[in-house]
Amino acid sequence: MDELNIPLYADVIASGKKPDVLFWVGCAGSYDARAQKVSKSFAQILNKAKINFAILGDEESCTGDPARRAGNEFIFQMSALQNIEVLNGYEVTKIVTACPHCFNTLKNEYPALGGKYEVIHHTTFIHQLFEEGKIAVEGGAFKGKRITYHDSCYLGRVNGIFEVPRKLLAQLDVELVEMKRCKSNGLCCGAGGAQMFKEDEPGDKRINIDRIEEALETGSSVVASNCPFCLTMLTDGVKAKEKQSDVDVYDISELIIQSIK
């Protein structure tokens, strides 16, 4: 945070100003070493586009998504109401997040508890920055590379956002090769529904292995993702297939920041 000069929402408010956007970092983006790189990449994009944004820091807590998916409604509502009190206290109106789980919960489930905000996933926000001419790519670090894209459940099938991430990849002049199960027929990476935080159920094969095999079949050198949970599961799948030297797994924001002017 210090490295990128990211301000705290409380400090900006205390100075008599108000950020235009709240960047909701999420649990993974805050604490997971791999997902932290995604948070940094997205923050760098916001800085390059000169977006007036801030984060909550220690005032942000889990949205409660894993608790609700696991069936603990009490914990979900406790977490949600705590966050809503903070957000409403700062009169937050616009939130952007790099986590589809946070995105879905804040956008679709918080309104019933009194938390009504404009919530945008980071792929949509980055696409808007391109449309407004605030960022641009020239050639790009991944130009001509064969890339496949994994639709996360909560951005894709749950919220119907399929084309925006693909438009971002088109900005990079890559060769996009779709997996046999994609878009509305996409396959879960295996981490959704709070599965990220529990042991595998009995079976012959982990879902992420099944999914990464589909990705490898495309012959792509890069698997693009939009979710920290998917990022972990796909990376684990690549390691399990011992393809680390052949295939990289990136969040779309990481592809963009490496290609931006």
Protein backbone atom coordinates (compact mmCIF):
# COMPACT_ATOMS: atom_id res chain seq x y z
CA MET A 1 0.00 0.00 0.00
CA ASP A 2 2.79 2.41 0.94
CA GLU A 3 4.75 1.44 -2.17
CA LEU A 4 1.87 2.47 -4.44
CA ASN A 5 0.72 5.48 -2.41
CA ILE A 6 -2.75 4.06 -1.89
CA PRO A 7 -4.68 6.24 0.58
CA LEU A 8 -7.02 5.05 3.30
CA TYR A 9 -10.63 6.11 2.92
CA ALA A 10 -10.67 7.44 6.49
CA ASP A 11 -7.63 9.66 5.84
CA VAL A 12 -9.14 11.12 2.67
CA ILE A 13 -12.43 11.87 4.46
CA ALA A 14 -10.52 13.43 7.37
CA SER A 15 -8.80 15.78 4.91
CA GLY A 16 -12.18 17.09 3.83
CA LYS A 17 -12.26 15.30 0.49
CA LYS A 18 -14.01 12.17 -0.77
CA PRO A 19 -12.68 9.43 -3.08
CA ASP A 20 -14.64 8.80 -6.27
CA VAL A 21 -14.18 5.05 -5.92
CA LEU A 22 -13.65 2.58 -3.09
CA PHE A 23 -11.34 -0.28 -4.06
CA TRP A 24 -12.63 -3.29 -2.10
CA VAL A 25 -9.52 -5.45 -1.79
CA GLY A 26 -11.11 -8.59 -0.29
CA CYS A 27 -9.61 -11.27 1.94
CA ALA A 28 -7.56 -12.99 -0.78
CA GLY A 29 -6.32 -9.70 -2.22
CA SER A 30 -5.22 -8.61 1.23
CA TYR A 31 -3.67 -11.74 2.70
CA ASP A 32 -2.85 -14.25 -0.03
CA ALA A 33 0.64 -13.63 -1.44
CA ARG A 34 -0.38 -14.49 -5.01
CA ALA A 35 -3.59 -12.46 -4.93
CA GLN A 36 -1.72 -9.48 -3.45
CA LYS A 37 0.05 -9.19 -6.81
CA VAL A 38 -3.36 -8.81 -8.46
CA SER A 39 -4.30 -6.07 -5.97
CA LYS A 40 -1.06 -4.25 -6.80
CA SER A 41 -1.58 -4.62 -10.56
CA PHE A 42 -5.09 -3.22 -10.38
CA ALA A 43 -3.99 -0.37 -8.11
CA GLN A 44 -1.24 0.46 -10.62
CA ILE A 45 -3.85 0.60 -13.39
CA LEU A 46 -6.01 2.94 -11.30
CA ASN A 47 -2.99 5.16 -10.65
CA LYS A 48 -2.05 5.26 -14.34
CA ALA A 49 -5.62 6.25 -15.18
CA LYS A 50 -5.47 8.92 -12.44
CA ILE A 51 -8.54 7.55 -10.67
CA ASN A 52 -9.31 9.13 -7.30
CA PHE A 53 -9.65 5.98 -5.19
CA ALA A 54 -8.97 4.70 -1.67
CA ILE A 55 -9.22 1.51 0.37
CA LEU A 56 -10.72 0.82 3.79
CA GLY A 57 -7.63 -0.93 5.17
CA ASP A 58 -8.28 -2.45 8.58
CA GLU A 59 -11.90 -1.27 8.43
CA GLU A 60 -12.63 -3.77 5.66
CA SER A 61 -13.63 -7.26 6.75
CA CYS A 62 -14.81 -10.36 4.88
CA THR A 63 -18.06 -9.80 3.01
CA GLY A 64 -19.39 -13.00 4.58
CA ASP A 65 -19.69 -14.83 1.26
CA PRO A 66 -17.95 -18.06 2.40
CA ALA A 67 -20.05 -18.19 5.57
CA ARG A 68 -23.33 -17.88 3.66
CA ARG A 69 -22.28 -20.46 1.05
CA ALA A 70 -21.33 -22.85 3.85
CA GLY A 71 -24.73 -22.37 5.45
CA ASN A 72 -23.84 -20.08 8.37
CA GLU A 73 -26.34 -17.27 7.84
CA PHE A 74 -25.67 -15.80 11.28
CA ILE A 75 -21.97 -15.18 10.56
CA PHE A 76 -22.82 -13.81 7.12
CA GLN A 77 -25.24 -11.24 8.49
CA MET A 78 -22.84 -10.22 11.27
CA SER A 79 -20.06 -9.64 8.72
CA ALA A 80 -22.36 -7.90 6.26
CA LEU A 81 -23.92 -5.54 8.79
CA GLN A 82 -20.50 -4.58 10.13
CA ASN A 83 -19.31 -3.71 6.63
CA ILE A 84 -22.52 -1.88 5.76
CA GLU A 85 -22.18 0.28 8.88
CA VAL A 86 -18.68 1.31 7.77
CA LEU A 87 -19.66 1.88 4.13
CA ASN A 88 -22.77 3.87 4.96
CA GLY A 89 -20.85 5.82 7.59
CA TYR A 90 -18.50 7.06 4.85
CA GLU A 91 -21.44 7.49 2.43
CA VAL A 92 -19.72 5.22 -0.10
CA THR A 93 -21.56 5.09 -3.42
CA LYS A 94 -19.18 3.35 -5.85
CA ILE A 95 -17.18 0.18 -5.17
CA VAL A 96 -14.81 -1.72 -7.45
CA THR A 97 -13.34 -5.11 -6.57
CA ALA A 98 -11.10 -7.71 -8.21
CA CYS A 99 -12.96 -10.60 -6.54
CA PRO A 100 -16.17 -11.93 -8.18
CA HIS A 101 -17.28 -13.36 -4.81
CA CYS A 102 -17.04 -9.94 -3.15
CA PHE A 103 -18.62 -8.39 -6.27
CA ASN A 104 -21.62 -10.71 -6.19
CA THR A 105 -22.20 -10.36 -2.45
CA LEU A 106 -21.84 -6.58 -2.32
CA LYS A 107 -23.94 -6.07 -5.46
CA ASN A 108 -26.70 -8.62 -5.05
CA GLU A 109 -26.94 -9.51 -1.35
CA TYR A 110 -26.06 -6.38 0.64
CA PRO A 111 -29.05 -4.30 -0.62
CA ALA A 112 -31.45 -6.52 1.37
CA LEU A 113 -29.55 -5.52 4.53
CA GLY A 114 -29.40 -1.81 3.77
CA GLY A 115 -26.19 -1.65 1.75
CA LYS A 116 -27.01 -0.19 -1.67
CA TYR A 117 -24.01 0.74 -3.82
CA GLU A 118 -22.85 0.78 -7.41
CA VAL A 119 -20.58 -2.27 -7.49
CA ILE A 120 -18.28 -2.96 -10.44
CA HIS A 121 -15.94 -5.86 -11.12
CA HIS A 122 -12.42 -4.78 -12.00
CA THR A 123 -12.61 -6.19 -15.54
CA THR A 124 -15.64 -4.01 -16.28
CA PHE A 125 -13.96 -1.00 -14.68
CA ILE A 126 -10.75 -1.51 -16.70
CA HIS A 127 -12.83 -1.83 -19.87
CA GLN A 128 -14.49 1.50 -19.04
CA LEU A 129 -11.04 3.08 -18.67
CA PHE A 130 -10.15 1.90 -22.17
CA GLU A 131 -13.46 3.19 -23.54
CA GLU A 132 -12.86 6.59 -21.92
CA GLY A 133 -9.31 6.77 -23.28
CA LYS A 134 -7.76 6.90 -19.81
CA ILE A 135 -5.46 3.94 -20.51
CA ALA A 136 -4.18 2.37 -23.72
CA VAL A 137 -1.93 -0.46 -24.87
CA GLU A 138 0.51 -0.45 -27.74
CA GLY A 139 1.40 -3.89 -29.02
CA GLY A 140 1.46 -5.41 -25.58
CA ALA A 141 3.70 -7.90 -23.83
CA PHE A 142 1.43 -10.77 -24.83
CA LYS A 143 0.76 -9.81 -28.46
CA GLY A 144 0.26 -12.89 -30.62
CA LYS A 145 0.42 -15.31 -27.71
CA ARG A 146 -2.13 -18.08 -27.48
CA ILE A 147 -4.28 -17.48 -24.40
CA THR A 148 -7.31 -19.27 -23.00
CA TYR A 149 -9.75 -17.62 -20.61
CA HIS A 150 -11.48 -19.24 -17.64
CA ASP A 151 -14.96 -17.89 -16.78
CA SER A 152 -15.32 -17.70 -13.02
CA CYS A 153 -18.75 -18.83 -11.82
CA TYR A 154 -19.67 -15.66 -9.93
CA LEU A 155 -18.74 -13.28 -12.73
CA GLY A 156 -19.94 -15.48 -15.58
CA ARG A 157 -22.94 -17.68 -14.96
CA VAL A 158 -24.13 -15.84 -11.85
CA ASN A 159 -23.83 -12.27 -13.14
CA GLY A 160 -23.78 -12.81 -16.89
CA ILE A 161 -20.48 -11.00 -17.56
CA PHE A 162 -18.86 -12.98 -20.36
CA GLU A 163 -17.82 -10.57 -23.09
CA VAL A 164 -16.09 -7.75 -21.18
CA PRO A 165 -13.06 -9.86 -20.11
CA ARG A 166 -12.74 -11.13 -23.67
CA LYS A 167 -12.82 -7.55 -25.00
CA LEU A 168 -9.91 -6.76 -22.67
CA LEU A 169 -7.93 -9.69 -24.05
CA ALA A 170 -8.73 -8.44 -27.56
CA GLN A 171 -7.05 -5.15 -26.61
CA LEU A 172 -3.82 -7.12 -26.13
CA ASP A 173 -3.91 -8.61 -29.66
CA VAL A 174 -3.67 -12.15 -28.32
CA GLU A 175 -4.93 -15.33 -29.92
CA LEU A 176 -7.86 -16.29 -27.69
CA VAL A 177 -8.62 -20.01 -27.78
CA GLU A 178 -11.76 -21.06 -25.93
CA MET A 179 -11.96 -24.18 -23.79
CA LYS A 180 -14.65 -26.69 -24.74
CA ARG A 181 -16.64 -25.64 -21.67
CA CYS A 182 -16.84 -21.85 -21.56
CA LYS A 183 -19.20 -18.91 -21.05
CA SER A 184 -22.63 -20.10 -19.82
CA ASN A 185 -21.39 -23.69 -20.05
CA GLY A 186 -18.20 -22.95 -18.10
CA LEU A 187 -16.81 -25.37 -15.53
CA CYS A 188 -16.21 -24.33 -11.91
CA CYS A 189 -12.55 -24.33 -10.81
CA GLY A 190 -13.61 -26.16 -7.65
CA ALA A 191 -13.24 -23.33 -5.10
CA GLY A 192 -16.69 -21.69 -5.16
CA GLY A 193 -19.44 -22.26 -2.63
CA ALA A 194 -16.91 -22.11 0.25
CA GLN A 195 -15.12 -25.19 -1.15
CA MET A 196 -11.94 -23.09 -1.06
CA PHE A 197 -11.86 -23.49 2.71
CA LYS A 198 -12.63 -27.17 3.19
CA GLU A 199 -11.18 -30.54 2.31
CA ASP A 200 -12.09 -32.22 -0.95
CA GLU A 201 -15.10 -34.51 -0.94
CA PRO A 202 -14.48 -38.16 -1.93
CA GLY A 203 -13.94 -38.72 -5.62
CA ASP A 204 -11.52 -39.86 -8.28
CA LYS A 205 -10.36 -36.46 -9.55
CA ARG A 206 -10.15 -32.88 -8.32
CA ILE A 207 -12.23 -30.43 -10.34
CA ASN A 208 -9.31 -28.06 -10.89
CA ILE A 209 -7.34 -30.89 -12.52
CA ASP A 210 -10.25 -31.52 -14.87
CA ARG A 211 -10.41 -27.81 -15.67
CA ILE A 212 -6.69 -27.31 -16.23
CA GLU A 213 -6.63 -30.34 -18.56
CA GLU A 214 -9.20 -28.52 -20.71
CA ALA A 215 -6.98 -25.43 -20.65
CA LEU A 216 -3.91 -27.44 -21.65
CA GLU A 217 -5.83 -28.99 -24.55
CA THR A 218 -6.05 -25.52 -26.14
CA GLY A 219 -2.26 -25.37 -26.45
CA SER A 220 -2.22 -21.98 -24.70
CA SER A 221 0.85 -20.62 -22.95
CA VAL A 222 -1.29 -18.43 -20.66
CA VAL A 223 -4.49 -19.12 -18.73
CA ALA A 224 -6.29 -15.86 -17.94
CA SER A 225 -8.54 -15.54 -14.90
CA ASN A 226 -10.57 -12.85 -13.14
CA CYS A 227 -10.86 -14.30 -9.62
CA PRO A 228 -8.36 -14.96 -6.80
CA PHE A 229 -9.96 -18.31 -5.98
CA CYS A 230 -9.74 -19.44 -9.61
CA LEU A 231 -6.18 -18.15 -9.78
CA THR A 232 -5.19 -20.44 -6.90
CA MET A 233 -7.01 -23.50 -8.22
CA LEU A 234 -5.74 -23.12 -11.80
CA THR A 235 -2.18 -22.55 -10.61
CA ASP A 236 -2.41 -25.65 -8.42
CA GLY A 237 -3.69 -27.56 -11.44
CA VAL A 238 -0.73 -26.46 -13.58
CA LYS A 239 1.66 -27.58 -10.83
CA ALA A 240 -0.11 -30.92 -10.49
CA LYS A 241 0.35 -31.51 -14.24
CA GLU A 242 3.98 -30.31 -13.93
CA LYS A 243 3.50 -27.67 -16.62
CA GLN A 244 4.86 -24.66 -14.71
CA SER A 245 7.59 -24.08 -17.32
CA ASP A 246 5.07 -24.13 -20.20
CA VAL A 247 1.96 -22.40 -18.86
CA ASP A 248 1.46 -19.23 -16.79
CA VAL A 249 -1.73 -18.31 -14.94
CA TYR A 250 -2.50 -14.59 -14.71
CA ASP A 251 -5.32 -12.34 -13.64
CA ILE A 252 -6.46 -10.13 -16.52
CA SER A 253 -5.28 -7.01 -14.65
CA GLU A 254 -1.75 -8.45 -14.59
CA LEU A 255 -1.84 -8.94 -18.37
CA ILE A 256 -3.05 -5.35 -18.81
CA ILE A 257 -0.47 -3.70 -16.53
CA GLN A 258 2.36 -5.50 -18.35
CA SER A 259 1.10 -4.16 -21.67
CA ILE A 260 -0.07 -0.66 -20.80
CA LYS A 261 1.58 2.40 -22.35
